[in-house]
């Protein structure tokens, strides 16, 4: 399986001169006595699956607010059989008849 940061680099490019630890999208905090880090662009969950390393080389979303409807974590977990929500105004094949 591809590492989380590899998906971010693939989608947004690499900022080799920066690290995630300095990015505005990195959330850091304590919860039940445990320190955590999460990337808001990748996605935030209560699972270790969305834990983030501050030492990662930054992606192209470095210090840029994410306005996507889905997080990268959501996009990674969508299977080819998963239903995809249509965009507003999007036509379906049934509309073409």
N, C-alpha and C. Protein backbone atom coordinates (compact mmCIF):
# COMPACT_ATOMS: atom_id res chain seq x y z
N UNK A 1 0.83 -1.18 0.00
CA UNK A 1 0.00 0.00 0.00
C UNK A 1 0.88 1.25 0.00
N UNK A 2 0.44 2.25 -0.70
CA UNK A 2 1.17 3.50 -0.78
C UNK A 2 1.11 4.25 0.54
N UNK A 3 2.21 4.87 0.91
CA UNK A 3 2.21 5.68 2.13
C UNK A 3 1.30 6.89 1.93
N UNK A 4 0.77 7.39 3.02
CA UNK A 4 -0.15 8.53 2.98
C UNK A 4 0.49 9.72 2.29
N UNK A 5 1.72 10.04 2.64
CA UNK A 5 2.38 11.21 2.07
C UNK A 5 2.63 11.04 0.58
N UNK A 6 2.83 9.79 0.13
CA UNK A 6 3.02 9.55 -1.31
C UNK A 6 1.77 9.93 -2.09
N UNK A 7 0.61 9.65 -1.52
CA UNK A 7 -0.65 10.04 -2.17
C UNK A 7 -0.75 11.56 -2.26
N UNK A 8 -0.34 12.23 -1.21
CA UNK A 8 -0.37 13.70 -1.21
C UNK A 8 0.58 14.26 -2.28
N UNK A 9 1.78 13.69 -2.37
CA UNK A 9 2.75 14.14 -3.37
C UNK A 9 2.24 13.88 -4.78
N UNK A 10 1.61 12.73 -4.98
CA UNK A 10 1.08 12.39 -6.29
C UNK A 10 -0.02 13.37 -6.72
N UNK A 11 -0.88 13.73 -5.79
CA UNK A 11 -2.00 14.62 -6.11
C UNK A 11 -1.60 16.09 -6.22
N UNK A 12 -0.69 16.53 -5.35
CA UNK A 12 -0.42 17.96 -5.23
C UNK A 12 1.01 18.38 -5.54
N UNK A 13 1.89 17.43 -5.77
CA UNK A 13 3.29 17.76 -6.01
C UNK A 13 4.08 17.77 -4.71
N UNK A 14 5.36 18.07 -4.83
CA UNK A 14 6.28 18.02 -3.69
C UNK A 14 6.86 19.41 -3.44
N UNK A 15 6.96 19.78 -2.18
CA UNK A 15 7.67 21.00 -1.76
C UNK A 15 8.90 20.54 -0.98
N UNK A 16 9.95 20.16 -1.69
CA UNK A 16 11.14 19.57 -1.08
C UNK A 16 11.82 20.52 -0.10
N UNK A 17 11.56 21.80 -0.22
CA UNK A 17 12.18 22.79 0.66
C UNK A 17 11.42 22.99 1.97
N UNK A 18 10.32 22.27 2.15
CA UNK A 18 9.47 22.45 3.34
C UNK A 18 9.14 21.11 3.98
N UNK A 19 8.76 21.14 5.24
CA UNK A 19 8.32 19.96 5.99
C UNK A 19 6.92 20.21 6.50
N UNK A 20 6.18 19.14 6.73
CA UNK A 20 4.80 19.24 7.22
C UNK A 20 4.72 19.93 8.58
N UNK A 21 5.77 19.83 9.38
CA UNK A 21 5.72 20.43 10.72
C UNK A 21 5.49 21.93 10.70
N UNK A 22 5.79 22.61 9.60
CA UNK A 22 5.63 24.05 9.50
C UNK A 22 4.37 24.46 8.73
N UNK A 23 3.57 23.49 8.33
CA UNK A 23 2.40 23.75 7.49
C UNK A 23 1.18 24.12 8.34
N UNK A 24 0.40 25.07 7.85
CA UNK A 24 -0.83 25.49 8.54
C UNK A 24 -1.89 24.38 8.57
N UNK A 25 -1.77 23.40 7.69
CA UNK A 25 -2.75 22.31 7.63
C UNK A 25 -2.48 21.19 8.64
N UNK A 26 -1.39 21.28 9.38
CA UNK A 26 -1.07 20.26 10.38
C UNK A 26 -1.73 20.61 11.71
N UNK A 27 -2.60 19.73 12.17
CA UNK A 27 -3.24 19.89 13.48
C UNK A 27 -2.41 19.13 14.49
N UNK A 28 -2.16 19.75 15.62
CA UNK A 28 -1.44 19.08 16.70
C UNK A 28 -2.21 19.30 17.99
N UNK A 29 -2.29 18.28 18.79
CA UNK A 29 -3.00 18.41 20.05
C UNK A 29 -2.85 17.19 20.92
N UNK A 30 -3.50 17.25 22.06
CA UNK A 30 -3.50 16.14 23.00
C UNK A 30 -4.92 15.66 23.20
N UNK A 31 -5.07 14.36 23.29
CA UNK A 31 -6.39 13.76 23.50
C UNK A 31 -6.21 12.54 24.37
N UNK A 32 -6.85 12.53 25.51
CA UNK A 32 -6.74 11.43 26.47
C UNK A 32 -5.28 11.10 26.79
N UNK A 33 -4.49 12.15 27.00
CA UNK A 33 -3.10 11.97 27.40
C UNK A 33 -2.17 11.55 26.28
N UNK A 34 -2.64 11.57 25.06
CA UNK A 34 -1.82 11.16 23.92
C UNK A 34 -1.67 12.33 22.96
N UNK A 35 -0.45 12.57 22.49
CA UNK A 35 -0.21 13.65 21.53
C UNK A 35 -0.49 13.13 20.12
N UNK A 36 -1.14 13.93 19.32
CA UNK A 36 -1.43 13.51 17.95
C UNK A 36 -1.13 14.62 16.96
N UNK A 37 -0.95 14.22 15.70
CA UNK A 37 -0.78 15.14 14.57
C UNK A 37 -1.65 14.62 13.44
N UNK A 38 -2.37 15.53 12.79
CA UNK A 38 -3.24 15.16 11.67
C UNK A 38 -3.11 16.23 10.58
N UNK A 39 -3.21 15.83 9.35
CA UNK A 39 -3.20 16.76 8.21
C UNK A 39 -4.65 16.98 7.77
N UNK A 40 -5.10 18.22 7.79
CA UNK A 40 -6.49 18.50 7.44
C UNK A 40 -6.78 18.23 5.96
N UNK A 41 -5.78 18.31 5.11
CA UNK A 41 -5.98 18.00 3.68
C UNK A 41 -6.12 16.50 3.49
N UNK A 42 -5.27 15.73 4.16
CA UNK A 42 -5.35 14.28 4.05
C UNK A 42 -6.64 13.77 4.66
N UNK A 43 -7.00 14.30 5.82
CA UNK A 43 -8.22 13.89 6.51
C UNK A 43 -7.96 13.60 7.97
N UNK A 44 -8.96 13.89 8.78
CA UNK A 44 -8.84 13.72 10.22
C UNK A 44 -9.86 12.69 10.68
N UNK A 45 -9.38 11.71 11.41
CA UNK A 45 -10.27 10.70 11.99
C UNK A 45 -9.79 10.42 13.41
N UNK A 46 -10.55 9.63 14.13
CA UNK A 46 -10.16 9.23 15.48
C UNK A 46 -9.26 8.00 15.45
N UNK A 47 -8.80 7.64 14.28
CA UNK A 47 -7.99 6.44 14.09
C UNK A 47 -6.53 6.80 13.88
N UNK A 48 -5.66 5.87 14.18
CA UNK A 48 -4.24 6.05 13.89
C UNK A 48 -3.99 6.10 12.39
N UNK A 49 -4.96 5.66 11.60
CA UNK A 49 -4.80 5.64 10.15
C UNK A 49 -4.61 7.03 9.57
N UNK A 50 -5.04 8.06 10.28
CA UNK A 50 -4.85 9.42 9.79
C UNK A 50 -3.78 10.17 10.56
N UNK A 51 -3.01 9.47 11.41
CA UNK A 51 -1.91 10.12 12.11
C UNK A 51 -0.87 10.58 11.10
N UNK A 52 -0.21 11.68 11.41
CA UNK A 52 0.70 12.31 10.47
C UNK A 52 2.05 12.54 11.11
N UNK A 53 3.10 12.51 10.32
CA UNK A 53 4.45 12.78 10.81
C UNK A 53 4.86 14.20 10.42
N UNK A 54 5.34 14.93 11.39
CA UNK A 54 5.75 16.30 11.10
C UNK A 54 7.01 16.34 10.25
N UNK A 55 7.75 15.23 10.18
CA UNK A 55 8.99 15.18 9.40
C UNK A 55 8.77 14.90 7.91
N UNK A 56 7.52 14.61 7.51
CA UNK A 56 7.26 14.38 6.09
C UNK A 56 7.67 15.59 5.26
N UNK A 57 8.17 15.33 4.05
CA UNK A 57 8.42 16.42 3.10
C UNK A 57 7.06 16.93 2.66
N UNK A 58 6.89 18.24 2.66
CA UNK A 58 5.59 18.85 2.38
C UNK A 58 5.12 18.60 0.94
N UNK A 59 3.81 18.66 0.80
CA UNK A 59 3.20 18.54 -0.53
C UNK A 59 2.90 19.94 -1.08
N UNK A 60 2.33 19.99 -2.26
CA UNK A 60 1.99 21.25 -2.91
C UNK A 60 0.88 22.03 -2.22
N UNK A 61 0.19 21.44 -1.26
CA UNK A 61 -0.85 22.16 -0.51
C UNK A 61 -0.26 22.84 0.72
N UNK A 62 1.06 22.92 0.80
CA UNK A 62 1.74 23.54 1.94
C UNK A 62 1.19 24.95 2.18
N UNK A 63 0.64 25.15 3.38
CA UNK A 63 0.06 26.43 3.81
C UNK A 63 -1.05 26.94 2.90
N UNK A 64 -1.71 26.05 2.18
CA UNK A 64 -2.85 26.43 1.35
C UNK A 64 -4.09 25.74 1.89
N UNK A 65 -5.12 26.50 2.12
CA UNK A 65 -6.36 25.94 2.67
C UNK A 65 -6.98 24.96 1.68
N UNK A 66 -7.49 23.86 2.19
CA UNK A 66 -8.14 22.83 1.37
C UNK A 66 -9.64 23.12 1.30
N UNK A 67 -10.16 23.25 0.10
CA UNK A 67 -11.59 23.52 -0.06
C UNK A 67 -12.28 22.40 -0.81
N UNK A 68 -11.61 21.26 -0.94
CA UNK A 68 -12.21 20.12 -1.62
C UNK A 68 -13.36 19.54 -0.82
N UNK A 69 -14.31 18.93 -1.52
CA UNK A 69 -15.46 18.33 -0.85
C UNK A 69 -15.08 17.05 -0.12
N UNK A 70 -14.06 16.38 -0.62
CA UNK A 70 -13.58 15.15 0.00
C UNK A 70 -12.12 15.32 0.38
N UNK A 71 -11.73 14.64 1.44
CA UNK A 71 -10.33 14.65 1.82
C UNK A 71 -9.58 13.61 0.99
N UNK A 72 -8.28 13.68 1.02
CA UNK A 72 -7.46 12.70 0.30
C UNK A 72 -7.71 11.31 0.87
N UNK A 73 -7.90 11.21 2.18
CA UNK A 73 -8.18 9.92 2.80
C UNK A 73 -9.46 9.33 2.21
N UNK A 74 -10.50 10.14 2.03
CA UNK A 74 -11.74 9.66 1.42
C UNK A 74 -11.49 9.18 0.00
N UNK A 75 -10.71 9.93 -0.77
CA UNK A 75 -10.45 9.56 -2.15
C UNK A 75 -9.65 8.28 -2.25
N UNK A 76 -8.73 8.07 -1.31
CA UNK A 76 -7.92 6.84 -1.31
C UNK A 76 -8.76 5.61 -1.02
N UNK A 77 -9.78 5.76 -0.19
CA UNK A 77 -10.56 4.60 0.22
C UNK A 77 -11.72 4.29 -0.72
N UNK A 78 -11.99 5.18 -1.66
CA UNK A 78 -13.07 4.90 -2.61
C UNK A 78 -12.66 3.75 -3.52
N UNK A 79 -13.45 2.73 -3.54
CA UNK A 79 -13.18 1.61 -4.43
C UNK A 79 -13.85 1.86 -5.77
N UNK A 80 -13.51 1.06 -6.76
CA UNK A 80 -14.10 1.27 -8.07
C UNK A 80 -15.60 0.99 -8.08
N UNK A 81 -16.10 0.23 -7.09
CA UNK A 81 -17.52 -0.05 -7.01
C UNK A 81 -18.26 0.89 -6.06
N UNK A 82 -17.50 1.79 -5.42
CA UNK A 82 -18.13 2.71 -4.45
C UNK A 82 -18.96 3.74 -5.19
N UNK A 83 -20.12 4.09 -4.65
CA UNK A 83 -20.92 5.12 -5.28
C UNK A 83 -20.22 6.47 -5.21
N UNK A 84 -20.26 7.20 -6.28
CA UNK A 84 -19.65 8.52 -6.34
C UNK A 84 -20.77 9.54 -6.40
N UNK A 85 -20.70 10.52 -5.53
CA UNK A 85 -21.73 11.55 -5.50
C UNK A 85 -21.61 12.42 -6.74
N UNK A 86 -22.72 12.65 -7.45
CA UNK A 86 -22.64 13.51 -8.62
C UNK A 86 -22.42 14.96 -8.23
N UNK A 87 -21.75 15.69 -9.09
CA UNK A 87 -21.57 17.12 -8.88
C UNK A 87 -22.86 17.83 -9.26
N UNK A 88 -23.09 18.97 -8.66
CA UNK A 88 -24.30 19.73 -8.97
C UNK A 88 -24.31 20.07 -10.46
N UNK A 89 -25.42 19.75 -11.13
CA UNK A 89 -25.56 20.02 -12.55
C UNK A 89 -24.98 18.95 -13.46
N UNK A 90 -24.37 17.91 -12.87
CA UNK A 90 -23.77 16.85 -13.66
C UNK A 90 -24.85 15.99 -14.30
N UNK A 91 -24.67 15.65 -15.58
CA UNK A 91 -25.63 14.81 -16.28
C UNK A 91 -25.27 13.34 -16.10
N UNK A 92 -26.26 12.49 -16.12
CA UNK A 92 -26.01 11.05 -16.07
C UNK A 92 -26.23 10.49 -17.47
N UNK A 93 -25.83 9.25 -17.67
CA UNK A 93 -26.03 8.61 -18.97
C UNK A 93 -27.52 8.49 -19.26
N UNK A 94 -28.34 8.32 -18.23
CA UNK A 94 -29.79 8.23 -18.44
C UNK A 94 -30.35 9.54 -18.99
N UNK A 95 -29.72 10.65 -18.65
CA UNK A 95 -30.18 11.96 -19.13
C UNK A 95 -29.93 12.14 -20.61
N UNK A 96 -29.05 11.34 -21.18
CA UNK A 96 -28.65 11.48 -22.59
C UNK A 96 -29.68 10.90 -23.55
N UNK A 97 -30.60 10.07 -23.07
CA UNK A 97 -31.56 9.42 -23.94
C UNK A 97 -32.62 10.35 -24.45
